[in-house]
Amino acid sequence: YNIRCNVVLPGAHDTPMTRAALALLPPGEAG
């Protein structure tokens, strides 16, 4: 088909979703 398919695996990046998620983590959490 001449169609390529690849996957990206990001770590932490400064996005609205990440900011909202981090706000829910307790102090000292591994993340």
Full PDB file with SEQRES, HELIX, SHEET, SSBOND, CRYST1, ORIGX, SCALE, CONECT and MASTER records, all heavy atoms in Angstrom:
SEQRES   1 A   31  TYR ASN ILE ARG CYS ASN VAL VAL LEU PRO GLY ALA HIS          
SEQRES   2 A   31  ASP THR PRO MET THR ARG ALA ALA LEU ALA LEU LEU PRO          
SEQRES   3 A   31  PRO GLY GLU ALA GLY                                          
HELIX    1 AA1 PRO A   16  LEU A   22  1                                   7    
CRYST1    1.000    1.000    1.000  90.00  90.00  90.00 P 1           1          
ORIGX1      1.000000  0.000000  0.000000        0.00000                         
ORIGX2      0.000000  1.000000  0.000000        0.00000                         
ORIGX3      0.000000  0.000000  1.000000        0.00000                         
SCALE1      1.000000  0.000000  0.000000        0.00000                         
SCALE2      0.000000  1.000000  0.000000        0.00000                         
SCALE3      0.000000  0.000000  1.000000        0.00000                         
ATOM      1  N   TYR A   1       0.801  -1.222   0.000  1.00  0.00           N  
ATOM      2  CA  TYR A   1       0.000   0.000   0.000  1.00  0.00           C  
ATOM      3  C   TYR A   1       0.839   1.281   0.000  1.00  0.00           C  
ATOM      4  O   TYR A   1       0.293   2.375  -0.166  1.00  0.00           O  
ATOM      5  CB  TYR A   1      -0.902   0.038   1.239  1.00  0.00           C  
ATOM      6  CG  TYR A   1      -2.060  -0.928   1.219  1.00  0.00           C  
ATOM      7  CD1 TYR A   1      -2.810  -1.126   2.380  1.00  0.00           C  
ATOM      8  CD2 TYR A   1      -2.428  -1.610   0.071  1.00  0.00           C  
ATOM      9  CE1 TYR A   1      -3.882  -1.998   2.391  1.00  0.00           C  
ATOM     10  CE2 TYR A   1      -3.496  -2.486   0.076  1.00  0.00           C  
ATOM     11  CZ  TYR A   1      -4.220  -2.677   1.250  1.00  0.00           C  
ATOM     12  OH  TYR A   1      -5.279  -3.547   1.260  1.00  0.00           O  
ATOM     13  N   ASN A   2       2.131   1.195   0.265  1.00  0.00           N  
ATOM     14  CA  ASN A   2       2.962   2.391   0.396  1.00  0.00           C  
ATOM     15  C   ASN A   2       2.453   3.300   1.519  1.00  0.00           C  
ATOM     16  O   ASN A   2       2.490   4.525   1.422  1.00  0.00           O  
ATOM     17  CB  ASN A   2       3.036   3.173  -0.924  1.00  0.00           C  
ATOM     18  CG  ASN A   2       4.130   4.241  -0.898  1.00  0.00           C  
ATOM     19  OD1 ASN A   2       5.171   4.078  -0.256  1.00  0.00           O  
ATOM     20  ND2 ASN A   2       3.881   5.343  -1.579  1.00  0.00           N  
ATOM     21  N   ILE A   3       1.930   2.676   2.584  1.00  0.00           N  
ATOM     22  CA  ILE A   3       1.466   3.413   3.763  1.00  0.00           C  
ATOM     23  C   ILE A   3       2.335   2.998   4.938  1.00  0.00           C  
ATOM     24  O   ILE A   3       2.443   1.813   5.263  1.00  0.00           O  
ATOM     25  CB  ILE A   3      -0.007   3.106   4.077  1.00  0.00           C  
ATOM     26  CG1 ILE A   3      -0.907   3.564   2.927  1.00  0.00           C  
ATOM     27  CG2 ILE A   3      -0.430   3.780   5.391  1.00  0.00           C  
ATOM     28  CD1 ILE A   3      -2.350   3.109   3.064  1.00  0.00           C  
ATOM     29  N   ARG A   4       2.970   3.979   5.561  1.00  0.00           N  
ATOM     30  CA  ARG A   4       3.805   3.719   6.727  1.00  0.00           C  
ATOM     31  C   ARG A   4       3.011   4.014   8.004  1.00  0.00           C  
ATOM     32  O   ARG A   4       2.131   4.880   8.013  1.00  0.00           O  
ATOM     33  CB  ARG A   4       5.058   4.600   6.687  1.00  0.00           C  
ATOM     34  CG  ARG A   4       5.908   4.326   5.463  1.00  0.00           C  
ATOM     35  CD  ARG A   4       7.146   5.208   5.393  1.00  0.00           C  
ATOM     36  NE  ARG A   4       6.813   6.613   5.210  1.00  0.00           N  
ATOM     37  CZ  ARG A   4       6.939   7.555   6.135  1.00  0.00           C  
ATOM     38  NH1 ARG A   4       7.364   7.234   7.354  1.00  0.00           N  
ATOM     39  NH2 ARG A   4       6.634   8.808   5.875  1.00  0.00           N  
ATOM     40  N   CYS A   5       3.343   3.297   9.063  1.00  0.00           N  
ATOM     41  CA  CYS A   5       2.662   3.502  10.339  1.00  0.00           C  
ATOM     42  C   CYS A   5       3.694   3.411  11.457  1.00  0.00           C  
ATOM     43  O   CYS A   5       4.351   2.381  11.626  1.00  0.00           O  
ATOM     44  CB  CYS A   5       1.559   2.464  10.543  1.00  0.00           C  
ATOM     45  SG  CYS A   5       0.536   2.752  12.016  1.00  0.00           S  
ATOM     46  N   ASN A   6       3.869   4.498  12.190  1.00  0.00           N  
ATOM     47  CA  ASN A   6       4.831   4.571  13.276  1.00  0.00           C  
ATOM     48  C   ASN A   6       4.169   5.118  14.532  1.00  0.00           C  
ATOM     49  O   ASN A   6       3.072   5.694  14.471  1.00  0.00           O  
ATOM     50  CB  ASN A   6       6.012   5.459  12.874  1.00  0.00           C  
ATOM     51  CG  ASN A   6       6.807   4.864  11.720  1.00  0.00           C  
ATOM     52  OD1 ASN A   6       7.477   3.858  11.878  1.00  0.00           O  
ATOM     53  ND2 ASN A   6       6.707   5.484  10.545  1.00  0.00           N  
ATOM     54  N   VAL A   7       4.832   4.937  15.670  1.00  0.00           N  
ATOM     55  CA  VAL A   7       4.245   5.359  16.940  1.00  0.00           C  
ATOM     56  C   VAL A   7       5.236   6.217  17.715  1.00  0.00           C  
ATOM     57  O   VAL A   7       6.441   5.932  17.750  1.00  0.00           O  
ATOM     58  CB  VAL A   7       3.788   4.138  17.771  1.00  0.00           C  
ATOM     59  CG1 VAL A   7       4.951   3.221  18.130  1.00  0.00           C  
ATOM     60  CG2 VAL A   7       3.042   4.580  19.027  1.00  0.00           C  
ATOM     61  N   VAL A   8       4.733   7.282  18.305  1.00  0.00           N  
ATOM     62  CA  VAL A   8       5.517   8.195  19.137  1.00  0.00           C  
ATOM     63  C   VAL A   8       5.127   7.970  20.591  1.00  0.00           C  
ATOM     64  O   VAL A   8       3.938   7.891  20.919  1.00  0.00           O  
ATOM     65  CB  VAL A   8       5.272   9.659  18.725  1.00  0.00           C  
ATOM     66  CG1 VAL A   8       5.992  10.619  19.670  1.00  0.00           C  
ATOM     67  CG2 VAL A   8       5.717   9.887  17.279  1.00  0.00           C  
ATOM     68  N   LEU A   9       6.143   7.877  21.457  1.00  0.00           N  
ATOM     69  CA  LEU A   9       5.908   7.638  22.884  1.00  0.00           C  
ATOM     70  C   LEU A   9       6.498   8.800  23.683  1.00  0.00           C  
ATOM     71  O   LEU A   9       7.660   8.763  24.086  1.00  0.00           O  
ATOM     72  CB  LEU A   9       6.534   6.313  23.328  1.00  0.00           C  
ATOM     73  CG  LEU A   9       5.950   5.039  22.707  1.00  0.00           C  
ATOM     74  CD1 LEU A   9       6.647   4.696  21.393  1.00  0.00           C  
ATOM     75  CD2 LEU A   9       6.055   3.872  23.669  1.00  0.00           C  
ATOM     76  N   PRO A  10       5.718   9.843  23.929  1.00  0.00           N  
ATOM     77  CA  PRO A  10       6.241  10.985  24.682  1.00  0.00           C  
ATOM     78  C   PRO A  10       6.294  10.695  26.183  1.00  0.00           C  
ATOM     79  O   PRO A  10       5.479   9.950  26.730  1.00  0.00           O  
ATOM     80  CB  PRO A  10       5.223  12.097  24.399  1.00  0.00           C  
ATOM     81  CG  PRO A  10       4.357  11.594  23.290  1.00  0.00           C  
ATOM     82  CD  PRO A  10       4.382  10.106  23.407  1.00  0.00           C  
ATOM     83  N   GLY A  11       7.264  11.335  26.828  1.00  0.00           N  
ATOM     84  CA  GLY A  11       7.249  11.452  28.274  1.00  0.00           C  
ATOM     85  C   GLY A  11       6.467  12.706  28.634  1.00  0.00           C  
ATOM     86  O   GLY A  11       5.538  13.101  27.921  1.00  0.00           O  
ATOM     87  N   ALA A  12       6.854  13.361  29.719  1.00  0.00           N  
ATOM     88  CA  ALA A  12       6.120  14.548  30.171  1.00  0.00           C  
ATOM     89  C   ALA A  12       6.391  15.738  29.253  1.00  0.00           C  
ATOM     90  O   ALA A  12       7.548  16.089  29.004  1.00  0.00           O  
ATOM     91  CB  ALA A  12       6.528  14.891  31.599  1.00  0.00           C  
ATOM     92  N   HIS A  13       5.330  16.327  28.758  1.00  0.00           N  
ATOM     93  CA  HIS A  13       5.413  17.556  27.974  1.00  0.00           C  
ATOM     94  C   HIS A  13       4.390  18.541  28.525  1.00  0.00           C  
ATOM     95  O   HIS A  13       3.325  18.151  29.000  1.00  0.00           O  
ATOM     96  CB  HIS A  13       5.175  17.280  26.495  1.00  0.00           C  
ATOM     97  CG  HIS A  13       6.332  16.607  25.833  1.00  0.00           C  
ATOM     98  ND1 HIS A  13       6.602  15.260  26.011  1.00  0.00           N  
ATOM     99  CD2 HIS A  13       7.325  17.082  25.034  1.00  0.00           C  
ATOM    100  CE1 HIS A  13       7.700  14.941  25.343  1.00  0.00           C  
ATOM    101  NE2 HIS A  13       8.150  16.027  24.744  1.00  0.00           N  
ATOM    102  N   ASP A  14       4.716  19.795  28.440  1.00  0.00           N  
ATOM    103  CA  ASP A  14       3.913  20.841  29.069  1.00  0.00           C  
ATOM    104  C   ASP A  14       2.674  21.143  28.229  1.00  0.00           C  
ATOM    105  O   ASP A  14       2.696  21.980  27.334  1.00  0.00           O  
ATOM    106  CB  ASP A  14       4.754  22.102  29.254  1.00  0.00           C  
ATOM    107  CG  ASP A  14       4.012  23.184  30.031  1.00  0.00           C  
ATOM    108  OD1 ASP A  14       3.022  22.845  30.711  1.00  0.00           O  
ATOM    109  OD2 ASP A  14       4.413  24.356  29.950  1.00  0.00           O  
ATOM    110  N   THR A  15       1.588  20.427  28.524  1.00  0.00           N  
ATOM    111  CA  THR A  15       0.318  20.620  27.840  1.00  0.00           C  
ATOM    112  C   THR A  15      -0.776  20.848  28.881  1.00  0.00           C  
ATOM    113  O   THR A  15      -0.588  20.538  30.064  1.00  0.00           O  
ATOM    114  CB  THR A  15      -0.058  19.378  27.010  1.00  0.00           C  
ATOM    115  OG1 THR A  15      -0.315  18.284  27.906  1.00  0.00           O  
ATOM    116  CG2 THR A  15       1.065  19.004  26.043  1.00  0.00           C  
ATOM    117  N   PRO A  16      -1.937  21.353  28.477  1.00  0.00           N  
ATOM    118  CA  PRO A  16      -3.035  21.516  29.429  1.00  0.00           C  
ATOM    119  C   PRO A  16      -3.416  20.217  30.123  1.00  0.00           C  
ATOM    120  O   PRO A  16      -3.705  20.204  31.323  1.00  0.00           O  
ATOM    121  CB  PRO A  16      -4.178  22.055  28.557  1.00  0.00           C  
ATOM    122  CG  PRO A  16      -3.485  22.785  27.452  1.00  0.00           C  
ATOM    123  CD  PRO A  16      -2.249  21.986  27.166  1.00  0.00           C  
ATOM    124  N   MET A  17      -3.411  19.092  29.390  1.00  0.00           N  
ATOM    125  CA  MET A  17      -3.763  17.813  30.002  1.00  0.00           C  
ATOM    126  C   MET A  17      -2.728  17.416  31.052  1.00  0.00           C  
ATOM    127  O   MET A  17      -3.077  16.942  32.139  1.00  0.00           O  
ATOM    128  CB  MET A  17      -3.871  16.715  28.939  1.00  0.00           C  
ATOM    129  CG  MET A  17      -4.411  15.395  29.490  1.00  0.00           C  
ATOM    130  SD  MET A  17      -4.617  14.099  28.230  1.00  0.00           S  
ATOM    131  CE  MET A  17      -2.947  13.460  28.141  1.00  0.00           C  
ATOM    132  N   THR A  18      -1.453  17.606  30.733  1.00  0.00           N  
ATOM    133  CA  THR A  18      -0.399  17.263  31.687  1.00  0.00           C  
ATOM    134  C   THR A  18      -0.492  18.134  32.927  1.00  0.00           C  
ATOM    135  O   THR A  18      -0.366  17.649  34.060  1.00  0.00           O  
ATOM    136  CB  THR A  18       0.986  17.419  31.039  1.00  0.00           C  
ATOM    137  OG1 THR A  18       1.066  16.570  29.902  1.00  0.00           O  
ATOM    138  CG2 THR A  18       2.088  17.036  32.014  1.00  0.00           C  
ATOM    139  N   ARG A  19      -0.720  19.433  32.743  1.00  0.00           N  
ATOM    140  CA  ARG A  19      -0.819  20.339  33.889  1.00  0.00           C  
ATOM    141  C   ARG A  19      -1.974  19.937  34.804  1.00  0.00           C  
ATOM    142  O   ARG A  19      -1.839  19.915  36.027  1.00  0.00           O  
ATOM    143  CB  ARG A  19      -1.000  21.782  33.401  1.00  0.00           C  
ATOM    144  CG  ARG A  19       0.291  22.435  32.965  1.00  0.00           C  
ATOM    145  CD  ARG A  19       0.050  23.867  32.496  1.00  0.00           C  
ATOM    146  NE  ARG A  19       0.622  24.041  31.166  1.00  0.00           N  
ATOM    147  CZ  ARG A  19      -0.018  24.499  30.123  1.00  0.00           C  
ATOM    148  NH1 ARG A  19      -1.297  24.853  30.213  1.00  0.00           N  
ATOM    149  NH2 ARG A  19       0.593  24.625  28.971  1.00  0.00           N  
ATOM    150  N   ALA A  20      -3.116  19.617  34.194  1.00  0.00           N  
ATOM    151  CA  ALA A  20      -4.279  19.214  34.991  1.00  0.00           C  
ATOM    152  C   ALA A  20      -4.010  17.908  35.724  1.00  0.00           C  
ATOM    153  O   ALA A  20      -4.388  17.733  36.889  1.00  0.00           O  
ATOM    154  CB  ALA A  20      -5.502  19.085  34.091  1.00  0.00           C  
ATOM    155  N   ALA A  21      -3.318  16.980  35.052  1.00  0.00           N  
ATOM    156  CA  ALA A  21      -3.023  15.688  35.671  1.00  0.00           C  
ATOM    157  C   ALA A  21      -2.047  15.849  36.833  1.00  0.00           C  
ATOM    158  O   ALA A  21      -2.224  15.255  37.905  1.00  0.00           O  
ATOM    159  CB  ALA A  21      -2.457  14.736  34.633  1.00  0.00           C  
ATOM    160  N   LEU A  22      -1.005  16.648  36.633  1.00  0.00           N  
ATOM    161  CA  LEU A  22       0.001  16.825  37.682  1.00  0.00           C  
ATOM    162  C   LEU A  22      -0.583  17.480  38.925  1.00  0.00           C  
ATOM    163  O   LEU A  22      -0.133  17.225  40.042  1.00  0.00           O  
ATOM    164  CB  LEU A  22       1.171  17.651  37.147  1.00  0.00           C  
ATOM    165  CG  LEU A  22       2.031  16.982  36.082  1.00  0.00           C  
ATOM    166  CD1 LEU A  22       3.089  17.951  35.569  1.00  0.00           C  
ATOM    167  CD2 LEU A  22       2.683  15.718  36.635  1.00  0.00           C  
ATOM    168  N   ALA A  23      -1.582  18.318  38.721  1.00  0.00           N  
ATOM    169  CA  ALA A  23      -2.206  18.992  39.864  1.00  0.00           C  
ATOM    170  C   ALA A  23      -2.914  18.011  40.787  1.00  0.00           C  
ATOM    171  O   ALA A  23      -3.164  18.310  41.960  1.00  0.00           O  
ATOM    172  CB  ALA A  23      -3.190  20.048  39.369  1.00  0.00           C  
ATOM    173  N   LEU A  24      -3.223  16.817  40.270  1.00  0.00           N  
ATOM    174  CA  LEU A  24      -3.928  15.814  41.076  1.00  0.00           C  
ATOM    175  C   LEU A  24      -2.976  14.883  41.819  1.00  0.00           C  
ATOM    176  O   LEU A  24      -3.419  14.116  42.676  1.00  0.00           O  
ATOM    177  CB  LEU A  24      -4.833  14.972  40.170  1.00  0.00           C  
ATOM    178  CG  LEU A  24      -5.936  15.738  39.421  1.00  0.00           C  
ATOM    179  CD1 LEU A  24      -6.660  14.800  38.462  1.00  0.00           C  
ATOM    180  CD2 LEU A  24      -6.917  16.365  40.403  1.00  0.00           C  
ATOM    181  N   LEU A  25      -1.682  14.936  41.483  1.00  0.00           N  
ATOM    182  CA  LEU A  25      -0.733  14.022  42.109  1.00  0.00           C  
ATOM    183  C   LEU A  25      -0.326  14.500  43.497  1.00  0.00           C  
ATOM    184  O   LEU A  25      -0.077  15.699  43.699  1.00  0.00           O  
ATOM    185  CB  LEU A  25       0.529  13.895  41.242  1.00  0.00           C  
ATOM    186  CG  LEU A  25       0.365  13.186  39.903  1.00  0.00           C  
ATOM    187  CD1 LEU A  25       1.687  13.178  39.158  1.00  0.00           C  
ATOM    188  CD2 LEU A  25      -0.135  11.767  40.096  1.00  0.00           C  
ATOM    189  N   PRO A  26      -0.213  13.598  44.464  1.00  0.00           N  
ATOM    190  CA  PRO A  26       0.235  13.985  45.798  1.00  0.00           C  
ATOM    191  C   PRO A  26       1.733  14.292  45.801  1.00  0.00           C  
ATOM    192  O   PRO A  26       2.477  13.758  44.977  1.00  0.00           O  
ATOM    193  CB  PRO A  26      -0.065  12.735  46.646  1.00  0.00           C  
ATOM    194  CG  PRO A  26      -0.020  11.610  45.663  1.00  0.00           C  
ATOM    195  CD  PRO A  26      -0.543  12.172  44.369  1.00  0.00           C  
ATOM    196  N   PRO A  27       2.198  15.149  46.711  1.00  0.00           N  
ATOM    197  CA  PRO A  27       3.627  15.453  46.803  1.00  0.00           C  
ATOM    198  C   PRO A  27       4.444  14.177  46.998  1.00  0.00           C  
ATOM    199  O   PRO A  27       4.038  13.260  47.709  1.00  0.00           O  
ATOM    200  CB  PRO A  27       3.714  16.355  48.043  1.00  0.00           C  
ATOM    201  CG  PRO A  27       2.349  16.951  48.172  1.00  0.00           C  
ATOM    202  CD  PRO A  27       1.400  15.892  47.692  1.00  0.00           C  
ATOM    203  N   GLY A  28       5.587  14.112  46.311  1.00  0.00           N  
ATOM    204  CA  GLY A  28       6.453  12.951  46.447  1.00  0.00           C  
ATOM    205  C   GLY A  28       6.139  11.824  45.498  1.00  0.00           C  
ATOM    206  O   GLY A  28       6.844  10.812  45.480  1.00  0.00           O  
ATOM    207  N   GLU A  29       5.074  11.951  44.711  1.00  0.00           N  
ATOM    208  CA  GLU A  29       4.740  10.905  43.750  1.00  0.00           C  
ATOM    209  C   GLU A  29       5.865  10.794  42.716  1.00  0.00           C  
ATOM    210  O   GLU A  29       6.506  11.775  42.345  1.00  0.00           O  
ATOM    211  CB  GLU A  29       3.407  11.244  43.068  1.00  0.00           C  
ATOM    212  CG  GLU A  29       2.674  10.053  42.486  1.00  0.00           C  
ATOM    213  CD  GLU A  29       3.197   9.630  41.127  1.00  0.00           C  
ATOM    214  OE1 GLU A  29       3.791  10.480  40.431  1.00  0.00           O  
ATOM    215  OE2 GLU A  29       3.014   8.447  40.765  1.00  0.00           O  
ATOM    216  N   ALA A  30       6.104   9.583  42.224  1.00  0.00           N  
ATOM    217  CA  ALA A  30       7.252   9.324  41.352  1.00  0.00           C  
ATOM    218  C   ALA A  30       7.240  10.181  40.089  1.00  0.00           C  
ATOM    219  O   ALA A  30       8.288  10.630  39.630  1.00  0.00           O  
ATOM    220  CB  ALA A  30       7.279   7.845  40.978  1.00  0.00           C  
ATOM    221  N   GLY A  31       6.068  10.409  39.552  1.00  0.00           N  
ATOM    222  CA  GLY A  31       5.975  11.216  38.340  1.00  0.00           C  
ATOM    223  C   GLY A  31       6.443  12.638  38.556  1.00  0.00           C  
ATOM    224  O   GLY A  31       7.097  13.237  37.701  1.00  0.00           O  
TER     225      GLY A  31                                                      
MASTER        0    0    0    1    0    0    0    6  224    1    0    3          
END                                                                             
